Amino acid sequence: MNSSMEVLDHVRLNFSPSGLLFLNIALAFIMFGVALGIKLSDFTDIIQKPKSAITGIISQFLLLPLLTFLLVIILKPAPTIALGMILVASCPGGNISNFMSSMAKANAALSVSLTAFATLSAVFMTPLNFAIWGNLYVKFYNNQSAQALLRPLEIDQYQMFETVFILLGIPVILGVLFASRFPETTKKIIKPLRTASLLFFIVMVIAMLSANFSHFMRFVHLVFFIVLIHNALALGTGFAFSTLMRRPSADRRAITIETGIQNSGLALALMFNPKIFPPELELGGMAVIAAWWGIWHIISGLTMAGLWARKPIIA
């Protein structure tokens, strides 16, 4: 299996920073729509009762990387695939999770808060987790080729703050203020706006995928089930741990989605940073894992959110 996967290392994906810019614009619209259903008191409740937030943070940054490492040991994929899985698990939750939480009738304020905290914490938590679990993987197999890929990650602190402020802060503030100032108008536009913003987001994802469509058609079968299992593990971790911690139903849904929806775009941005991973390194396996994660978690997350949307919240 490893030998067939190693062909992925020679794959070169087309990564477009301008495409990410337009994708972020779509995310900002989505966040505005999500915020229309949030009240300021929802955030104060989280501060006063932080157990759910702490549960989500532990699930995201401690349990998921640990269980990913164990999964890698069990599945024994090629080194680049293994380190790609560890890197994705080390990243914070993705912003699209907030829309999914809102759609799933989850605690949207908790979802937004966890995304904001995780994104800011990623400056030190993502490099730390990648170093810890990546080193353990290298030592476990004594793999020298994997050692070359274990690079110290440098995440721009300003970029992380900018992401939280622009993609989360501004749209959420505007959405909450708009809903409180114009409640009747909000009732009329909230559903159409959310639908339109989601469609815009999907169009942007398809546009970015088209640049690498031939690669996915040729190689996706090599990573399809690995990503499916890994994503199922992430979602299951969030649900099981939040259930163990006896969190309310709406909070469990938010924590499940936050843990299962990873910011694979950050993983790709790190991989394509020549200061971290020199161009001569063959990262095809890592890149394909992260790229397919970015597509699959949208499918799985929207599916789960759609199923939960039909079920009432149980306290």
Foldseek 3Di string as FASTA:
>chain_A
DQVVLVVLLQDDFDDDPVLVVLLLVLLLLLLLLLLLPDAPVLLVVCVVPVPLLVLLVCLQQPVLLVVLLVVCVVVVHHLLLSLLLNLQSQFFFDSVLLSLLSLLVFSSSSLLVRRLVRLLCSQPRSQVSSLVSLVVSCVVVVDPLSVLQSWRFGDDNVVSVCSCCRSHVPSNVVSNVCCVVPVVVSVVCSVVSNVVSVVSSVVSLVVSCVSVVVVCVVCVVVCVVVLVVSLVVQLVSLLVSCVVVVHFQSSSLSSSSRRNGTPLVVVLVRCPPCVTPNPVRRNSSSNSSSSVNNVVSVVVSNVSSNVSSPPDTDD
